[in-house]
Amino acid sequence: MATAARRVGAGLAPAGPHLVPGDPGGGVGPGAQLHITEALGRDPGRLIDIRVRVEELGAAGAIIAKRVAGTHLVRLENEES
């Protein structure tokens, strides 16, 4: 987390999403895990640091989500138009 905060403090973009090594297939696709760090409003005190799974990925868009005990904690749907 210190790395992301340092980058934000320096005025650079947050760390953003990164593919978590060791996922089957070695690329981004359904089942892949992404590690996302984001400083909301570029404020290091409001840092999000979460790992999500790619649920769907296709020409129409993507869905990434974090589930805990079968319940969605976070779900982001991105549609291409």
PDB file of N, CA and C in Angstrom:
ATOM      1  N   MET A   1       0.814  -1.191   0.000  1.00  0.00           N
ATOM      2  CA  MET A   1       0.000   0.000   0.000  1.00  0.00           C
ATOM      3  C   MET A   1       0.857   1.253   0.000  1.00  0.00           C
ATOM      4  N   ALA A   2       2.015   1.204   0.595  1.00  0.00           N
ATOM      5  CA  ALA A   2       2.887   2.377   0.645  1.00  0.00           C
ATOM      6  C   ALA A   2       3.301   2.813  -0.754  1.00  0.00           C
ATOM      7  N   THR A   3       3.501   1.850  -1.660  1.00  0.00           N
ATOM      8  CA  THR A   3       3.896   2.196  -3.021  1.00  0.00           C
ATOM      9  C   THR A   3       2.821   3.023  -3.699  1.00  0.00           C
ATOM     10  N   ALA A   4       1.559   2.582  -3.597  1.00  0.00           N
ATOM     11  CA  ALA A   4       0.462   3.321  -4.220  1.00  0.00           C
ATOM     12  C   ALA A   4       0.337   4.711  -3.608  1.00  0.00           C
ATOM     13  N   ALA A   5       0.467   4.801  -2.282  1.00  0.00           N
ATOM     14  CA  ALA A   5       0.351   6.099  -1.619  1.00  0.00           C
ATOM     15  C   ALA A   5       1.482   7.020  -2.059  1.00  0.00           C
ATOM     16  N   ARG A   6       2.693   6.473  -2.205  1.00  0.00           N
ATOM     17  CA  ARG A   6       3.826   7.277  -2.642  1.00  0.00           C
ATOM     18  C   ARG A   6       3.581   7.805  -4.044  1.00  0.00           C
ATOM     19  N   ARG A   7       3.079   6.962  -4.924  1.00  0.00           N
ATOM     20  CA  ARG A   7       2.810   7.396  -6.295  1.00  0.00           C
ATOM     21  C   ARG A   7       1.762   8.501  -6.324  1.00  0.00           C
ATOM     22  N   VAL A   8       0.708   8.351  -5.527  1.00  0.00           N
ATOM     23  CA  VAL A   8      -0.332   9.366  -5.489  1.00  0.00           C
ATOM     24  C   VAL A   8       0.247  10.661  -4.952  1.00  0.00           C
ATOM     25  N   GLY A   9       1.042  10.564  -3.878  1.00  0.00           N
ATOM     26  CA  GLY A   9       1.645  11.754  -3.293  1.00  0.00           C
ATOM     27  C   GLY A   9       2.563  12.476  -4.265  1.00  0.00           C
ATOM     28  N   ALA A  10       3.169  11.737  -5.194  1.00  0.00           N
ATOM     29  CA  ALA A  10       4.061  12.330  -6.188  1.00  0.00           C
ATOM     30  C   ALA A  10       3.284  12.872  -7.384  1.00  0.00           C
ATOM     31  N   GLY A  11       1.940  12.715  -7.360  1.00  0.00           N
ATOM     32  CA  GLY A  11       1.127  13.234  -8.457  1.00  0.00           C
ATOM     33  C   GLY A  11       1.013  12.282  -9.628  1.00  0.00           C
ATOM     34  N   LEU A  12       1.458  11.029  -9.468  1.00  0.00           N
ATOM     35  CA  LEU A  12       1.361  10.061 -10.543  1.00  0.00           C
ATOM     36  C   LEU A  12       0.083   9.254 -10.396  1.00  0.00           C
ATOM     37  N   ALA A  13      -0.259   8.525 -11.443  1.00  0.00           N
ATOM     38  CA  ALA A  13      -1.465   7.706 -11.419  1.00  0.00           C
ATOM     39  C   ALA A  13      -1.333   6.609 -10.369  1.00  0.00           C
ATOM     40  N   PRO A  14      -2.464   6.175  -9.786  1.00  0.00           N
ATOM     41  CA  PRO A  14      -2.424   5.051  -8.851  1.00  0.00           C
ATOM     42  C   PRO A  14      -1.910   3.793  -9.542  1.00  0.00           C
ATOM     43  N   ALA A  15      -1.566   2.787  -8.756  1.00  0.00           N
ATOM     44  CA  ALA A  15      -0.978   1.565  -9.298  1.00  0.00           C
ATOM     45  C   ALA A  15      -1.882   0.869 -10.295  1.00  0.00           C
ATOM     46  N   GLY A  16      -3.189   0.903 -10.115  1.00  0.00           N
ATOM     47  CA  GLY A  16      -4.123   0.317 -11.064  1.00  0.00           C
ATOM     48  C   GLY A  16      -4.172  -1.203 -10.994  1.00  0.00           C
ATOM     49  N   PRO A  17      -4.855  -1.835 -11.978  1.00  0.00           N
ATOM     50  CA  PRO A  17      -5.001  -3.294 -11.935  1.00  0.00           C
ATOM     51  C   PRO A  17      -3.762  -4.017 -12.447  1.00  0.00           C
ATOM     52  N   HIS A  18      -3.467  -5.152 -11.819  1.00  0.00           N
ATOM     53  CA  HIS A  18      -2.368  -6.020 -12.245  1.00  0.00           C
ATOM     54  C   HIS A  18      -2.856  -7.451 -12.205  1.00  0.00           C
ATOM     55  N   LEU A  19      -2.459  -8.253 -13.174  1.00  0.00           N
ATOM     56  CA  LEU A  19      -2.791  -9.670 -13.195  1.00  0.00           C
ATOM     57  C   LEU A  19      -2.017 -10.372 -12.096  1.00  0.00           C
ATOM     58  N   VAL A  20      -2.705 -11.172 -11.296  1.00  0.00           N
ATOM     59  CA  VAL A  20      -2.055 -11.922 -10.233  1.00  0.00           C
ATOM     60  C   VAL A  20      -1.381 -13.140 -10.855  1.00  0.00           C
ATOM     61  N   PRO A  21      -0.065 -13.315 -10.659  1.00  0.00           N
ATOM     62  CA  PRO A  21       0.642 -14.457 -11.245  1.00  0.00           C
ATOM     63  C   PRO A  21       0.094 -15.785 -10.734  1.00  0.00           C
ATOM     64  N   GLY A  22       0.224 -16.799 -11.580  1.00  0.00           N
ATOM     65  CA  GLY A  22      -0.162 -18.143 -11.177  1.00  0.00           C
ATOM     66  C   GLY A  22      -1.547 -18.558 -11.622  1.00  0.00           C
ATOM     67  N   ASP A  23      -2.296 -17.662 -12.261  1.00  0.00           N
ATOM     68  CA  ASP A  23      -3.610 -18.043 -12.749  1.00  0.00           C
ATOM     69  C   ASP A  23      -3.481 -18.919 -13.990  1.00  0.00           C
ATOM     70  N   PRO A  24      -4.397 -19.873 -14.160  1.00  0.00           N
ATOM     71  CA  PRO A  24      -4.343 -20.755 -15.325  1.00  0.00           C
ATOM     72  C   PRO A  24      -4.427 -19.951 -16.617  1.00  0.00           C
ATOM     73  N   GLY A  25      -3.660 -20.340 -17.606  1.00  0.00           N
ATOM     74  CA  GLY A  25      -3.692 -19.663 -18.897  1.00  0.00           C
ATOM     75  C   GLY A  25      -2.744 -18.479 -18.983  1.00  0.00           C
ATOM     76  N   GLY A  26      -2.392 -17.883 -17.866  1.00  0.00           N
ATOM     77  CA  GLY A  26      -1.418 -16.804 -17.847  1.00  0.00           C
ATOM     78  C   GLY A  26      -1.875 -15.487 -18.444  1.00  0.00           C
ATOM     79  N   GLY A  27      -3.165 -15.315 -18.732  1.00  0.00           N
ATOM     80  CA  GLY A  27      -3.649 -14.065 -19.312  1.00  0.00           C
ATOM     81  C   GLY A  27      -4.935 -13.619 -18.641  1.00  0.00           C
ATOM     82  N   VAL A  28      -5.458 -12.498 -19.113  1.00  0.00           N
ATOM     83  CA  VAL A  28      -6.708 -11.982 -18.566  1.00  0.00           C
ATOM     84  C   VAL A  28      -7.862 -12.655 -19.295  1.00  0.00           C
ATOM     85  N   GLY A  29      -8.736 -13.273 -18.540  1.00  0.00           N
ATOM     86  CA  GLY A  29      -9.904 -13.950 -19.072  1.00  0.00           C
ATOM     87  C   GLY A  29     -10.739 -14.442 -17.907  1.00  0.00           C
ATOM     88  N   PRO A  30     -11.885 -15.073 -18.191  1.00  0.00           N
ATOM     89  CA  PRO A  30     -12.720 -15.583 -17.116  1.00  0.00           C
ATOM     90  C   PRO A  30     -11.917 -16.478 -16.164  1.00  0.00           C
ATOM     91  N   GLY A  31     -12.035 -16.214 -14.888  1.00  0.00           N
ATOM     92  CA  GLY A  31     -11.313 -16.966 -13.869  1.00  0.00           C
ATOM     93  C   GLY A  31     -10.008 -16.321 -13.439  1.00  0.00           C
ATOM     94  N   ALA A  32      -9.470 -15.394 -14.226  1.00  0.00           N
ATOM     95  CA  ALA A  32      -8.224 -14.718 -13.855  1.00  0.00           C
ATOM     96  C   ALA A  32      -8.472 -13.810 -12.646  1.00  0.00           C
ATOM     97  N   GLN A  33      -7.436 -13.608 -11.859  1.00  0.00           N
ATOM     98  CA  GLN A  33      -7.535 -12.753 -10.682  1.00  0.00           C
ATOM     99  C   GLN A  33      -6.731 -11.479 -10.927  1.00  0.00           C
ATOM    100  N   LEU A  34      -7.347 -10.326 -10.632  1.00  0.00           N
ATOM    101  CA  LEU A  34      -6.685  -9.031 -10.769  1.00  0.00           C
ATOM    102  C   LEU A  34      -6.498  -8.415  -9.386  1.00  0.00           C
ATOM    103  N   HIS A  35      -5.364  -7.763  -9.191  1.00  0.00           N
ATOM    104  CA  HIS A  35      -5.099  -7.018  -7.956  1.00  0.00           C
ATOM    105  C   HIS A  35      -5.236  -5.543  -8.321  1.00  0.00           C
ATOM    106  N   ILE A  36      -6.183  -4.863  -7.687  1.00  0.00           N
ATOM    107  CA  ILE A  36      -6.469  -3.460  -8.001  1.00  0.00           C
ATOM    108  C   ILE A  36      -6.153  -2.598  -6.783  1.00  0.00           C
ATOM    109  N   THR A  37      -5.359  -1.557  -6.994  1.00  0.00           N
ATOM    110  CA  THR A  37      -5.139  -0.539  -5.968  1.00  0.00           C
ATOM    111  C   THR A  37      -5.534   0.797  -6.573  1.00  0.00           C
ATOM    112  N   GLU A  38      -6.309   1.554  -5.838  1.00  0.00           N
ATOM    113  CA  GLU A  38      -6.829   2.829  -6.342  1.00  0.00           C
ATOM    114  C   GLU A  38      -6.970   3.788  -5.172  1.00  0.00           C
ATOM    115  N   ALA A  39      -6.485   4.996  -5.327  1.00  0.00           N
ATOM    116  CA  ALA A  39      -6.655   6.034  -4.306  1.00  0.00           C
ATOM    117  C   ALA A  39      -7.810   6.925  -4.760  1.00  0.00           C
ATOM    118  N   LEU A  40      -8.938   6.822  -4.083  1.00  0.00           N
ATOM    119  CA  LEU A  40     -10.113   7.599  -4.457  1.00  0.00           C
ATOM    120  C   LEU A  40      -9.818   9.084  -4.311  1.00  0.00           C
ATOM    121  N   GLY A  41     -10.086   9.828  -5.361  1.00  0.00           N
ATOM    122  CA  GLY A  41      -9.812  11.262  -5.337  1.00  0.00           C
ATOM    123  C   GLY A  41      -8.340  11.586  -5.176  1.00  0.00           C
ATOM    124  N   ARG A  42      -7.460  10.629  -5.520  1.00  0.00           N
ATOM    125  CA  ARG A  42      -6.011  10.773  -5.382  1.00  0.00           C
ATOM    126  C   ARG A  42      -5.599  11.031  -3.935  1.00  0.00           C
ATOM    127  N   ASP A  43      -6.446  10.560  -2.998  1.00  0.00           N
ATOM    128  CA  ASP A  43      -6.199  10.739  -1.570  1.00  0.00           C
ATOM    129  C   ASP A  43      -5.670   9.428  -0.993  1.00  0.00           C
ATOM    130  N   PRO A  44      -4.398   9.385  -0.566  1.00  0.00           N
ATOM    131  CA  PRO A  44      -3.835   8.147  -0.024  1.00  0.00           C
ATOM    132  C   PRO A  44      -4.563   7.635   1.215  1.00  0.00           C
ATOM    133  N   GLY A  45      -5.322   8.472   1.875  1.00  0.00           N
ATOM    134  CA  GLY A  45      -6.108   8.048   3.025  1.00  0.00           C
ATOM    135  C   GLY A  45      -7.358   7.274   2.630  1.00  0.00           C
ATOM    136  N   ARG A  46      -7.683   7.288   1.333  1.00  0.00           N
ATOM    137  CA  ARG A  46      -8.866   6.584   0.823  1.00  0.00           C
ATOM    138  C   ARG A  46      -8.434   5.524  -0.180  1.00  0.00           C
ATOM    139  N   LEU A  47      -7.503   4.684   0.216  1.00  0.00           N
ATOM    140  CA  LEU A  47      -6.918   3.685  -0.664  1.00  0.00           C
ATOM    141  C   LEU A  47      -7.748   2.404  -0.686  1.00  0.00           C
ATOM    142  N   ILE A  48      -8.060   1.932  -1.881  1.00  0.00           N
ATOM    143  CA  ILE A  48      -8.711   0.634  -2.079  1.00  0.00           C
ATOM    144  C   ILE A  48      -7.627  -0.331  -2.532  1.00  0.00           C
ATOM    145  N   ASP A  49      -7.545  -1.486  -1.900  1.00  0.00           N
ATOM    146  CA  ASP A  49      -6.573  -2.523  -2.247  1.00  0.00           C
ATOM    147  C   ASP A  49      -7.336  -3.841  -2.227  1.00  0.00           C
ATOM    148  N   ILE A  50      -7.709  -4.357  -3.410  1.00  0.00           N
ATOM    149  CA  ILE A  50      -8.609  -5.510  -3.484  1.00  0.00           C
ATOM    150  C   ILE A  50      -8.191  -6.452  -4.613  1.00  0.00           C
ATOM    151  N   ARG A  51      -8.475  -7.721  -4.441  1.00  0.00           N
ATOM    152  CA  ARG A  51      -8.288  -8.727  -5.489  1.00  0.00           C
ATOM    153  C   ARG A  51      -9.663  -9.159  -5.959  1.00  0.00           C
ATOM    154  N   VAL A  52      -9.872  -9.136  -7.266  1.00  0.00           N
ATOM    155  CA  VAL A  52     -11.155  -9.509  -7.860  1.00  0.00           C
ATOM    156  C   VAL A  52     -10.931 -10.571  -8.926  1.00  0.00           C
ATOM    157  N   ARG A  53     -11.971 -11.300  -9.261  1.00  0.00           N
ATOM    158  CA  ARG A  53     -11.920 -12.297 -10.329  1.00  0.00           C
ATOM    159  C   ARG A  53     -12.674 -11.776 -11.540  1.00  0.00           C
ATOM    160  N   VAL A  54     -12.157 -12.111 -12.713  1.00  0.00           N
ATOM    161  CA  VAL A  54     -12.846 -11.798 -13.964  1.00  0.00           C
ATOM    162  C   VAL A  54     -13.939 -12.851 -14.130  1.00  0.00           C
ATOM    163  N   GLU A  55     -15.201 -12.416 -14.130  1.00  0.00           N
ATOM    164  CA  GLU A  55     -16.316 -13.347 -14.300  1.00  0.00           C
ATOM    165  C   GLU A  55     -16.653 -13.538 -15.771  1.00  0.00           C
ATOM    166  N   GLU A  56     -16.638 -12.453 -16.524  1.00  0.00           N
ATOM    167  CA  GLU A  56     -16.927 -12.510 -17.961  1.00  0.00           C
ATOM    168  C   GLU A  56     -16.020 -11.518 -18.674  1.00  0.00           C
ATOM    169  N   LEU A  57     -15.626 -11.870 -19.900  1.00  0.00           N
ATOM    170  CA  LEU A  57     -14.812 -10.979 -20.719  1.00  0.00           C
ATOM    171  C   LEU A  57     -15.122 -11.288 -22.169  1.00  0.00           C
ATOM    172  N   GLY A  58     -15.563 -10.286 -22.904  1.00  0.00           N
ATOM    173  CA  GLY A  58     -15.892 -10.493 -24.309  1.00  0.00           C
ATOM    174  C   GLY A  58     -15.989  -9.178 -25.040  1.00  0.00           C
ATOM    175  N   ALA A  59     -16.395  -9.247 -26.285  1.00  0.00           N
ATOM    176  CA  ALA A  59     -16.495  -8.049 -27.125  1.00  0.00           C
ATOM    177  C   ALA A  59     -17.530  -7.064 -26.583  1.00  0.00           C
ATOM    178  N   ALA A  60     -18.544  -7.566 -25.876  1.00  0.00           N
ATOM    179  CA  ALA A  60     -19.601  -6.699 -25.350  1.00  0.00           C
ATOM    180  C   ALA A  60     -19.212  -6.020 -24.039  1.00  0.00           C
ATOM    181  N   GLY A  61     -18.148  -6.495 -23.378  1.00  0.00           N
ATOM    182  CA  GLY A  61     -17.733  -5.885 -22.118  1.00  0.00           C
ATOM    183  C   GLY A  61     -17.097  -6.878 -21.175  1.00  0.00           C
ATOM    184  N   ALA A  62     -17.004  -6.480 -19.907  1.00  0.00           N
ATOM    185  CA  ALA A  62     -16.354  -7.318 -18.897  1.00  0.00           C
ATOM    186  C   ALA A  62     -17.075  -7.166 -17.567  1.00  0.00           C
ATOM    187  N   ILE A  63     -17.009  -8.227 -16.765  1.00  0.00           N
ATOM    188  CA  ILE A  63     -17.533  -8.193 -15.404  1.00  0.00           C
ATOM    189  C   ILE A  63     -16.435  -8.711 -14.490  1.00  0.00           C
ATOM    190  N   ILE A  64     -16.096  -7.902 -13.465  1.00  0.00           N
ATOM    191  CA  ILE A  64     -15.146  -8.343 -12.444  1.00  0.00           C
ATOM    192  C   ILE A  64     -15.871  -8.267 -11.107  1.00  0.00           C
ATOM    193  N   ALA A  65     -15.524  -9.178 -10.204  1.00  0.00           N
ATOM    194  CA  ALA A  65     -16.243  -9.223  -8.931  1.00  0.00           C
ATOM    195  C   ALA A  65     -15.389  -9.814  -7.827  1.00  0.00           C
ATOM    196  N   LYS A  66     -15.751  -9.467  -6.609  1.00  0.00           N
ATOM    197  CA  LYS A  66     -15.169 -10.049  -5.398  1.00  0.00           C
ATOM    198  C   LYS A  66     -16.328 -10.644  -4.610  1.00  0.00           C
ATOM    199  N   ARG A  67     -16.232 -11.944  -4.334  1.00  0.00           N
ATOM    200  CA  ARG A  67     -17.264 -12.633  -3.553  1.00  0.00           C
ATOM    201  C   ARG A  67     -16.675 -13.103  -2.229  1.00  0.00           C
ATOM    202  N   VAL A  68     -17.481 -13.008  -1.190  1.00  0.00           N
ATOM    203  CA  VAL A  68     -17.119 -13.539   0.116  1.00  0.00           C
ATOM    204  C   VAL A  68     -18.298 -14.384   0.574  1.00  0.00           C
ATOM    205  N   ALA A  69     -18.040 -15.651   0.863  1.00  0.00           N
ATOM    206  CA  ALA A  69     -19.076 -16.592   1.288  1.00  0.00           C
ATOM    207  C   ALA A  69     -20.245 -16.615   0.309  1.00  0.00           C
ATOM    208  N   GLY A  70     -19.925 -16.532  -0.999  1.00  0.00           N
ATOM    209  CA  GLY A  70     -20.955 -16.613  -2.030  1.00  0.00           C
ATOM    210  C   GLY A  70     -21.728 -15.333  -2.281  1.00  0.00           C
ATOM    211  N   THR A  71     -21.424 -14.269  -1.546  1.00  0.00           N
ATOM    212  CA  THR A  71     -22.121 -12.996  -1.696  1.00  0.00           C
ATOM    213  C   THR A  71     -21.194 -11.972  -2.350  1.00  0.00           C
ATOM    214  N   HIS A  72     -21.726 -11.206  -3.308  1.00  0.00           N
ATOM    215  CA  HIS A  72     -20.915 -10.170  -3.960  1.00  0.00           C
ATOM    216  C   HIS A  72     -20.570  -9.069  -2.962  1.00  0.00           C
ATOM    217  N   LEU A  73     -19.303  -8.822  -2.802  1.00  0.00           N
ATOM    218  CA  LEU A  73     -18.818  -7.703  -2.012  1.00  0.00           C
ATOM    219  C   LEU A  73     -18.663  -6.496  -2.940  1.00  0.00           C
ATOM    220  N   VAL A  74     -18.107  -6.764  -4.139  1.00  0.00           N
ATOM    221  CA  VAL A  74     -17.923  -5.759  -5.182  1.00  0.00           C
ATOM    222  C   VAL A  74     -18.231  -6.415  -6.513  1.00  0.00           C
ATOM    223  N   ARG A  75     -18.925  -5.709  -7.398  1.00  0.00           N
ATOM    224  CA  ARG A  75     -19.194  -6.212  -8.752  1.00  0.00           C
ATOM    225  C   ARG A  75     -19.181  -5.014  -9.687  1.00  0.00           C
ATOM    226  N   LEU A  76     -18.336  -5.067 -10.713  1.00  0.00           N
ATOM    227  CA  LEU A  76     -18.219  -3.985 -11.683  1.00  0.00           C
ATOM    228  C   LEU A  76     -18.504  -4.546 -13.071  1.00  0.00           C
ATOM    229  N   GLU A  77     -19.489  -3.971 -13.726  1.00  0.00           N
ATOM    230  CA  GLU A  77     -19.838  -4.349 -15.087  1.00  0.00           C
ATOM    231  C   GLU A  77     -19.463  -3.206 -16.014  1.00  0.00           C
ATOM    232  N   ASN A  78     -18.706  -3.517 -17.048  1.00  0.00           N
ATOM    233  CA  ASN A  78     -18.260  -2.531 -18.017  1.00  0.00           C
ATOM    234  C   ASN A  78     -18.771  -2.967 -19.387  1.00  0.00           C
ATOM    235  N   GLU A  79     -19.636  -2.165 -19.998  1.00  0.00           N
ATOM    236  CA  GLU A  79     -20.218  -2.498 -21.284  1.00  0.00           C
ATOM    237  C   GLU A  79     -19.591  -1.650 -22.385  1.00  0.00           C
ATOM    238  N   GLU A  80     -19.237  -2.289 -23.478  1.00  0.00           N
ATOM    239  CA  GLU A  80     -18.739  -1.582 -24.658  1.00  0.00           C
ATOM    240  C   GLU A  80     -19.927  -1.164 -25.500  1.00  0.00           C
ATOM    241  N   SER A  81     -19.865   0.025 -26.056  1.00  0.00           N
ATOM    242  CA  SER A  81     -20.987   0.460 -26.908  1.00  0.00           C
ATOM    243  C   SER A  81     -20.496   0.891 -28.269  1.00  0.00           C
TER     244      SER A  81
END
